[in-house]
Amino acid sequence: MKSILTTEIEMTIPFFDADMMGITWHGNYLRYFEVARCQLLDEINYGYRQMEASGYAWPIVDVQIKYVQSSTFEQKIKVKASLVEWENRIRINYEVRDVATNKRLTKGYSIQAAVKMDNQELCFITPDCFRQKIAHLIPEQEA
Protein backbone atom coordinates (compact mmCIF):
# COMPACT_ATOMS: atom_id res chain seq x y z
CA MET A 1 0.00 0.00 0.00
CA LYS A 2 1.26 3.39 -0.94
CA SER A 3 1.53 5.98 1.81
CA ILE A 4 0.33 9.56 1.39
CA LEU A 5 2.03 10.71 4.59
CA THR A 6 4.78 9.23 6.74
CA THR A 7 6.35 10.39 9.97
CA GLU A 8 9.05 8.95 12.18
CA ILE A 9 9.96 9.27 15.84
CA GLU A 10 13.06 8.11 17.68
CA MET A 11 13.11 6.96 21.27
CA THR A 12 15.17 4.94 23.72
CA ILE A 13 13.51 1.96 25.40
CA PRO A 14 13.08 3.02 29.05
CA PHE A 15 13.68 0.74 32.03
CA PHE A 16 9.99 0.54 32.94
CA ASP A 17 9.11 -0.85 29.47
CA ALA A 18 11.34 -3.92 29.90
CA ASP A 19 10.98 -7.15 31.85
CA MET A 20 13.58 -8.65 34.22
CA MET A 21 15.66 -9.84 31.27
CA GLY A 22 15.70 -6.37 29.73
CA ILE A 23 13.33 -7.36 26.89
CA THR A 24 10.62 -4.87 25.94
CA TRP A 25 7.21 -6.10 27.07
CA HIS A 26 5.11 -6.80 23.95
CA GLY A 27 2.21 -4.56 24.95
CA ASN A 28 4.39 -1.45 24.93
CA TYR A 29 4.62 -1.51 21.14
CA LEU A 30 1.02 -0.33 20.98
CA ARG A 31 2.08 2.72 22.98
CA TYR A 32 4.99 3.35 20.59
CA PHE A 33 2.54 3.09 17.68
CA GLU A 34 0.29 5.61 19.44
CA VAL A 35 3.08 8.16 19.86
CA ALA A 36 3.93 7.93 16.16
CA ARG A 37 0.22 8.03 15.19
CA CYS A 38 -0.30 11.20 17.26
CA GLN A 39 2.64 12.88 15.53
CA LEU A 40 1.28 11.85 12.11
CA LEU A 41 -2.18 13.24 12.88
CA ASP A 42 -0.68 16.43 14.34
CA GLU A 43 1.18 16.96 11.05
CA ILE A 44 -2.15 17.30 9.26
CA ASN A 45 -3.66 19.34 12.11
CA TYR A 46 -6.14 16.61 13.02
CA GLY A 47 -4.95 15.38 16.39
CA TYR A 48 -7.35 14.13 19.05
CA ARG A 49 -8.44 17.63 20.12
CA GLN A 50 -9.19 18.59 16.50
CA MET A 51 -11.10 15.33 16.04
CA GLU A 52 -13.23 16.12 19.06
CA ALA A 53 -13.83 19.68 17.85
CA SER A 54 -14.93 18.33 14.45
CA GLY A 55 -17.60 16.19 16.13
CA TYR A 56 -16.01 12.82 15.42
CA ALA A 57 -14.19 10.21 17.45
CA TRP A 58 -11.89 7.75 15.69
CA PRO A 59 -11.65 4.62 17.85
CA ILE A 60 -9.27 1.84 16.94
CA VAL A 61 -11.37 -1.00 15.51
CA ASP A 62 -8.52 -3.31 14.51
CA VAL A 63 -4.83 -3.59 15.30
CA GLN A 64 -2.20 -6.09 14.24
CA ILE A 65 1.40 -6.51 15.39
CA LYS A 66 4.09 -8.81 14.05
CA TYR A 67 7.04 -9.21 16.40
CA VAL A 68 10.12 -9.83 14.27
CA GLN A 69 12.88 -9.35 16.84
CA SER A 70 12.94 -8.17 20.45
CA SER A 71 13.99 -4.72 21.51
CA THR A 72 15.74 -4.17 24.82
CA PHE A 73 16.24 -1.68 27.62
CA GLU A 74 18.26 1.36 26.44
CA GLN A 75 18.01 0.38 22.78
CA LYS A 76 17.44 3.29 20.43
CA ILE A 77 14.54 2.68 18.08
CA LYS A 78 12.71 4.58 15.39
CA VAL A 79 8.98 4.16 14.87
CA LYS A 80 7.57 4.99 11.46
CA ALA A 81 3.85 5.62 10.93
CA SER A 82 2.38 5.82 7.42
CA LEU A 83 -1.16 6.79 6.43
CA VAL A 84 -2.15 4.30 3.71
CA GLU A 85 -5.99 4.29 3.68
CA TRP A 86 -8.42 7.13 4.20
CA GLU A 87 -11.53 6.64 2.03
CA ASN A 88 -13.74 4.59 4.38
CA ARG A 89 -11.46 4.28 7.40
CA ILE A 90 -8.00 5.33 8.50
CA ARG A 91 -5.30 2.69 8.22
CA ILE A 92 -1.86 3.50 9.52
CA ASN A 93 1.04 1.11 8.99
CA TYR A 94 3.87 1.01 11.52
CA GLU A 95 7.44 -0.16 11.48
CA VAL A 96 9.86 -0.25 14.43
CA ARG A 97 13.56 -0.41 13.57
CA ASP A 98 16.81 -0.37 15.48
CA VAL A 99 18.49 3.03 14.98
CA ALA A 100 22.05 1.65 14.83
CA THR A 101 21.48 -1.29 12.45
CA ASN A 102 18.18 -0.35 10.76
CA LYS A 103 16.98 -3.93 11.40
CA ARG A 104 13.22 -4.26 11.53
CA LEU A 105 12.05 -5.23 15.02
CA THR A 106 8.27 -4.99 14.75
CA LYS A 107 5.64 -4.06 12.19
CA GLY A 108 1.90 -3.66 12.31
CA TYR A 109 -1.09 -1.53 11.52
CA SER A 110 -4.09 0.08 13.15
CA ILE A 111 -7.48 0.82 11.68
CA GLN A 112 -9.69 3.61 12.96
CA ALA A 113 -13.29 4.27 11.98
CA ALA A 114 -15.11 7.56 12.31
CA VAL A 115 -17.96 7.75 14.81
CA LYS A 116 -20.25 10.78 15.02
CA MET A 117 -20.02 11.88 18.62
CA ASP A 118 -23.51 13.35 18.93
CA ASN A 119 -25.30 10.06 18.11
CA GLN A 120 -22.50 7.44 18.32
CA GLU A 121 -23.20 6.46 14.70
CA LEU A 122 -20.44 4.65 12.81
CA CYS A 123 -19.56 6.35 9.52
CA PHE A 124 -18.95 4.10 6.53
CA ILE A 125 -17.33 6.91 4.54
CA THR A 126 -14.59 9.14 5.89
CA PRO A 127 -16.10 12.52 6.90
CA ASP A 128 -15.31 15.61 4.86
CA CYS A 129 -13.49 17.23 7.80
CA PHE A 130 -10.74 14.59 7.53
CA ARG A 131 -10.74 14.55 3.72
CA GLN A 132 -10.14 18.31 3.73
CA LYS A 133 -7.13 17.89 6.03
CA ILE A 134 -5.44 15.45 3.65
CA ALA A 135 -6.70 16.74 0.27
CA HIS A 136 -3.37 18.38 -0.56
CA LEU A 137 -1.59 15.04 0.00
CA ILE A 138 -3.70 12.91 -2.34
CA PRO A 139 -2.65 12.66 -6.00
CA GLU A 140 -5.37 14.08 -8.27
CA GLN A 141 -6.29 10.76 -9.87
CA GLU A 142 -7.12 9.37 -6.38
CA ALA A 143 -9.01 12.40 -5.02
C-alpha atoms as a PDB file:
ATOM      1  CA  MET A   1       0.000   0.000   0.000  1.00  0.00           C
ATOM      2  CA  LYS A   2       1.264   3.394  -0.940  1.00  0.00           C
ATOM      3  CA  SER A   3       1.529   5.983   1.806  1.00  0.00           C
ATOM      4  CA  ILE A   4       0.329   9.564   1.390  1.00  0.00           C
ATOM      5  CA  LEU A   5       2.030  10.712   4.593  1.00  0.00           C
ATOM      6  CA  THR A   6       4.776   9.227   6.740  1.00  0.00           C
ATOM      7  CA  THR A   7       6.346  10.393   9.972  1.00  0.00           C
ATOM      8  CA  GLU A   8       9.050   8.950  12.182  1.00  0.00           C
ATOM      9  CA  ILE A   9       9.964   9.269  15.836  1.00  0.00           C
ATOM     10  CA  GLU A  10      13.062   8.110  17.682  1.00  0.00           C
ATOM     11  CA  MET A  11      13.113   6.959  21.265  1.00  0.00           C
ATOM     12  CA  THR A  12      15.168   4.943  23.719  1.00  0.00           C
ATOM     13  CA  ILE A  13      13.509   1.964  25.398  1.00  0.00           C
ATOM     14  CA  PRO A  14      13.080   3.019  29.046  1.00  0.00           C
ATOM     15  CA  PHE A  15      13.681   0.736  32.029  1.00  0.00           C
ATOM     16  CA  PHE A  16       9.993   0.540  32.935  1.00  0.00           C
ATOM     17  CA  ASP A  17       9.113  -0.853  29.472  1.00  0.00           C
ATOM     18  CA  ALA A  18      11.336  -3.921  29.902  1.00  0.00           C
ATOM     19  CA  ASP A  19      10.979  -7.154  31.847  1.00  0.00           C
ATOM     20  CA  MET A  20      13.577  -8.653  34.224  1.00  0.00           C
ATOM     21  CA  MET A  21      15.657  -9.840  31.266  1.00  0.00           C
ATOM     22  CA  GLY A  22      15.703  -6.369  29.729  1.00  0.00           C
ATOM     23  CA  ILE A  23      13.334  -7.356  26.893  1.00  0.00           C
ATOM     24  CA  THR A  24      10.617  -4.867  25.937  1.00  0.00           C
ATOM     25  CA  TRP A  25       7.206  -6.097  27.072  1.00  0.00           C
ATOM     26  CA  HIS A  26       5.113  -6.796  23.952  1.00  0.00           C
ATOM     27  CA  GLY A  27       2.212  -4.557  24.952  1.00  0.00           C
ATOM     28  CA  ASN A  28       4.391  -1.452  24.928  1.00  0.00           C
ATOM     29  CA  TYR A  29       4.624  -1.514  21.138  1.00  0.00           C
ATOM     30  CA  LEU A  30       1.021  -0.332  20.980  1.00  0.00           C
ATOM     31  CA  ARG A  31       2.082   2.716  22.976  1.00  0.00           C
ATOM     32  CA  TYR A  32       4.992   3.350  20.592  1.00  0.00           C
ATOM     33  CA  PHE A  33       2.540   3.089  17.677  1.00  0.00           C
ATOM     34  CA  GLU A  34       0.292   5.611  19.439  1.00  0.00           C
ATOM     35  CA  VAL A  35       3.085   8.160  19.861  1.00  0.00           C
ATOM     36  CA  ALA A  36       3.928   7.932  16.157  1.00  0.00           C
ATOM     37  CA  ARG A  37       0.219   8.025  15.193  1.00  0.00           C
ATOM     38  CA  CYS A  38      -0.297  11.201  17.259  1.00  0.00           C
ATOM     39  CA  GLN A  39       2.642  12.877  15.527  1.00  0.00           C
ATOM     40  CA  LEU A  40       1.277  11.845  12.111  1.00  0.00           C
ATOM     41  CA  LEU A  41      -2.180  13.244  12.881  1.00  0.00           C
ATOM     42  CA  ASP A  42      -0.680  16.429  14.338  1.00  0.00           C
ATOM     43  CA  GLU A  43       1.179  16.960  11.053  1.00  0.00           C
ATOM     44  CA  ILE A  44      -2.153  17.303   9.258  1.00  0.00           C
ATOM     45  CA  ASN A  45      -3.657  19.341  12.106  1.00  0.00           C
ATOM     46  CA  TYR A  46      -6.137  16.614  13.015  1.00  0.00           C
ATOM     47  CA  GLY A  47      -4.954  15.378  16.390  1.00  0.00           C
ATOM     48  CA  TYR A  48      -7.347  14.133  19.046  1.00  0.00           C
ATOM     49  CA  ARG A  49      -8.440  17.630  20.121  1.00  0.00           C
ATOM     50  CA  GLN A  50      -9.186  18.593  16.504  1.00  0.00           C
ATOM     51  CA  MET A  51     -11.098  15.326  16.038  1.00  0.00           C
ATOM     52  CA  GLU A  52     -13.226  16.116  19.055  1.00  0.00           C
ATOM     53  CA  ALA A  53     -13.830  19.676  17.847  1.00  0.00           C
ATOM     54  CA  SER A  54     -14.929  18.327  14.446  1.00  0.00           C
ATOM     55  CA  GLY A  55     -17.598  16.186  16.133  1.00  0.00           C
ATOM     56  CA  TYR A  56     -16.007  12.822  15.418  1.00  0.00           C
ATOM     57  CA  ALA A  57     -14.195  10.208  17.446  1.00  0.00           C
ATOM     58  CA  TRP A  58     -11.895   7.747  15.689  1.00  0.00           C
ATOM     59  CA  PRO A  59     -11.649   4.625  17.853  1.00  0.00           C
ATOM     60  CA  ILE A  60      -9.269   1.842  16.945  1.00  0.00           C
ATOM     61  CA  VAL A  61     -11.368  -1.000  15.514  1.00  0.00           C
ATOM     62  CA  ASP A  62      -8.516  -3.312  14.508  1.00  0.00           C
ATOM     63  CA  VAL A  63      -4.826  -3.589  15.301  1.00  0.00           C
ATOM     64  CA  GLN A  64      -2.200  -6.090  14.237  1.00  0.00           C
ATOM     65  CA  ILE A  65       1.400  -6.508  15.394  1.00  0.00           C
ATOM     66  CA  LYS A  66       4.093  -8.807  14.050  1.00  0.00           C
ATOM     67  CA  TYR A  67       7.041  -9.209  16.402  1.00  0.00           C
ATOM     68  CA  VAL A  68      10.122  -9.826  14.271  1.00  0.00           C
ATOM     69  CA  GLN A  69      12.876  -9.351  16.836  1.00  0.00           C
ATOM     70  CA  SER A  70      12.944  -8.173  20.451  1.00  0.00           C
ATOM     71  CA  SER A  71      13.989  -4.717  21.510  1.00  0.00           C
ATOM     72  CA  THR A  72      15.738  -4.174  24.821  1.00  0.00           C
ATOM     73  CA  PHE A  73      16.241  -1.679  27.624  1.00  0.00           C
ATOM     74  CA  GLU A  74      18.256   1.360  26.443  1.00  0.00           C
ATOM     75  CA  GLN A  75      18.012   0.375  22.777  1.00  0.00           C
ATOM     76  CA  LYS A  76      17.442   3.291  20.434  1.00  0.00           C
ATOM     77  CA  ILE A  77      14.543   2.676  18.084  1.00  0.00           C
ATOM     78  CA  LYS A  78      12.707   4.576  15.389  1.00  0.00           C
ATOM     79  CA  VAL A  79       8.983   4.157  14.868  1.00  0.00           C
ATOM     80  CA  LYS A  80       7.570   4.992  11.457  1.00  0.00           C
ATOM     81  CA  ALA A  81       3.849   5.621  10.929  1.00  0.00           C
ATOM     82  CA  SER A  82       2.385   5.822   7.419  1.00  0.00           C
ATOM     83  CA  LEU A  83      -1.160   6.789   6.427  1.00  0.00           C
ATOM     84  CA  VAL A  84      -2.149   4.297   3.709  1.00  0.00           C
ATOM     85  CA  GLU A  85      -5.988   4.289   3.684  1.00  0.00           C
ATOM     86  CA  TRP A  86      -8.422   7.134   4.201  1.00  0.00           C
ATOM     87  CA  GLU A  87     -11.534   6.641   2.033  1.00  0.00           C
ATOM     88  CA  ASN A  88     -13.739   4.591   4.379  1.00  0.00           C
ATOM     89  CA  ARG A  89     -11.462   4.275   7.395  1.00  0.00           C
ATOM     90  CA  ILE A  90      -8.004   5.334   8.501  1.00  0.00           C
ATOM     91  CA  ARG A  91      -5.303   2.685   8.218  1.00  0.00           C
ATOM     92  CA  ILE A  92      -1.862   3.504   9.524  1.00  0.00           C
ATOM     93  CA  ASN A  93       1.038   1.108   8.992  1.00  0.00           C
ATOM     94  CA  TYR A  94       3.875   1.009  11.518  1.00  0.00           C
ATOM     95  CA  GLU A  95       7.445  -0.165  11.482  1.00  0.00           C
ATOM     96  CA  VAL A  96       9.857  -0.250  14.426  1.00  0.00           C
ATOM     97  CA  ARG A  97      13.557  -0.413  13.574  1.00  0.00           C
ATOM     98  CA  ASP A  98      16.815  -0.366  15.480  1.00  0.00           C
ATOM     99  CA  VAL A  99      18.494   3.026  14.983  1.00  0.00           C
ATOM    100  CA  ALA A 100      22.048   1.645  14.832  1.00  0.00           C
ATOM    101  CA  THR A 101      21.477  -1.291  12.452  1.00  0.00           C
ATOM    102  CA  ASN A 102      18.181  -0.347  10.762  1.00  0.00           C
ATOM    103  CA  LYS A 103      16.983  -3.928  11.398  1.00  0.00           C
ATOM    104  CA  ARG A 104      13.220  -4.259  11.529  1.00  0.00           C
ATOM    105  CA  LEU A 105      12.047  -5.229  15.020  1.00  0.00           C
ATOM    106  CA  THR A 106       8.270  -4.987  14.749  1.00  0.00           C
ATOM    107  CA  LYS A 107       5.643  -4.064  12.194  1.00  0.00           C
ATOM    108  CA  GLY A 108       1.905  -3.659  12.305  1.00  0.00           C
ATOM    109  CA  TYR A 109      -1.087  -1.528  11.516  1.00  0.00           C
ATOM    110  CA  SER A 110      -4.089   0.085  13.146  1.00  0.00           C
ATOM    111  CA  ILE A 111      -7.483   0.820  11.677  1.00  0.00           C
ATOM    112  CA  GLN A 112      -9.692   3.607  12.961  1.00  0.00           C
ATOM    113  CA  ALA A 113     -13.293   4.270  11.980  1.00  0.00           C
ATOM    114  CA  ALA A 114     -15.114   7.561  12.310  1.00  0.00           C
ATOM    115  CA  VAL A 115     -17.962   7.754  14.808  1.00  0.00           C
ATOM    116  CA  LYS A 116     -20.253  10.780  15.017  1.00  0.00           C
ATOM    117  CA  MET A 117     -20.015  11.881  18.623  1.00  0.00           C
ATOM    118  CA  ASP A 118     -23.507  13.346  18.927  1.00  0.00           C
ATOM    119  CA  ASN A 119     -25.296  10.062  18.106  1.00  0.00           C
ATOM    120  CA  GLN A 120     -22.505   7.442  18.318  1.00  0.00           C
ATOM    121  CA  GLU A 121     -23.204   6.461  14.698  1.00  0.00           C
ATOM    122  CA  LEU A 122     -20.443   4.646  12.806  1.00  0.00           C
ATOM    123  CA  CYS A 123     -19.563   6.345   9.519  1.00  0.00           C
ATOM    124  CA  PHE A 124     -18.946   4.104   6.526  1.00  0.00           C
ATOM    125  CA  ILE A 125     -17.334   6.912   4.541  1.00  0.00           C
ATOM    126  CA  THR A 126     -14.589   9.145   5.891  1.00  0.00           C
ATOM    127  CA  PRO A 127     -16.105  12.515   6.902  1.00  0.00           C
ATOM    128  CA  ASP A 128     -15.310  15.609   4.863  1.00  0.00           C
ATOM    129  CA  CYS A 129     -13.491  17.233   7.803  1.00  0.00           C
ATOM    130  CA  PHE A 130     -10.742  14.585   7.527  1.00  0.00           C
ATOM    131  CA  ARG A 131     -10.739  14.546   3.721  1.00  0.00           C
ATOM    132  CA  GLN A 132     -10.144  18.312   3.730  1.00  0.00           C
ATOM    133  CA  LYS A 133      -7.130  17.891   6.035  1.00  0.00           C
ATOM    134  CA  ILE A 134      -5.441  15.449   3.648  1.00  0.00           C
ATOM    135  CA  ALA A 135      -6.696  16.735   0.266  1.00  0.00           C
ATOM    136  CA  HIS A 136      -3.373  18.381  -0.561  1.00  0.00           C
ATOM    137  CA  LEU A 137      -1.585  15.042  -0.004  1.00  0.00           C
ATOM    138  CA  ILE A 138      -3.705  12.915  -2.340  1.00  0.00           C
ATOM    139  CA  PRO A 139      -2.647  12.658  -6.003  1.00  0.00           C
ATOM    140  CA  GLU A 140      -5.369  14.082  -8.266  1.00  0.00           C
ATOM    141  CA  GLN A 141      -6.288  10.756  -9.873  1.00  0.00           C
ATOM    142  CA  GLU A 142      -7.122   9.371  -6.385  1.00  0.00           C
ATOM    143  CA  ALA A 143      -9.007  12.398  -5.016  1.00  0.00           C
END
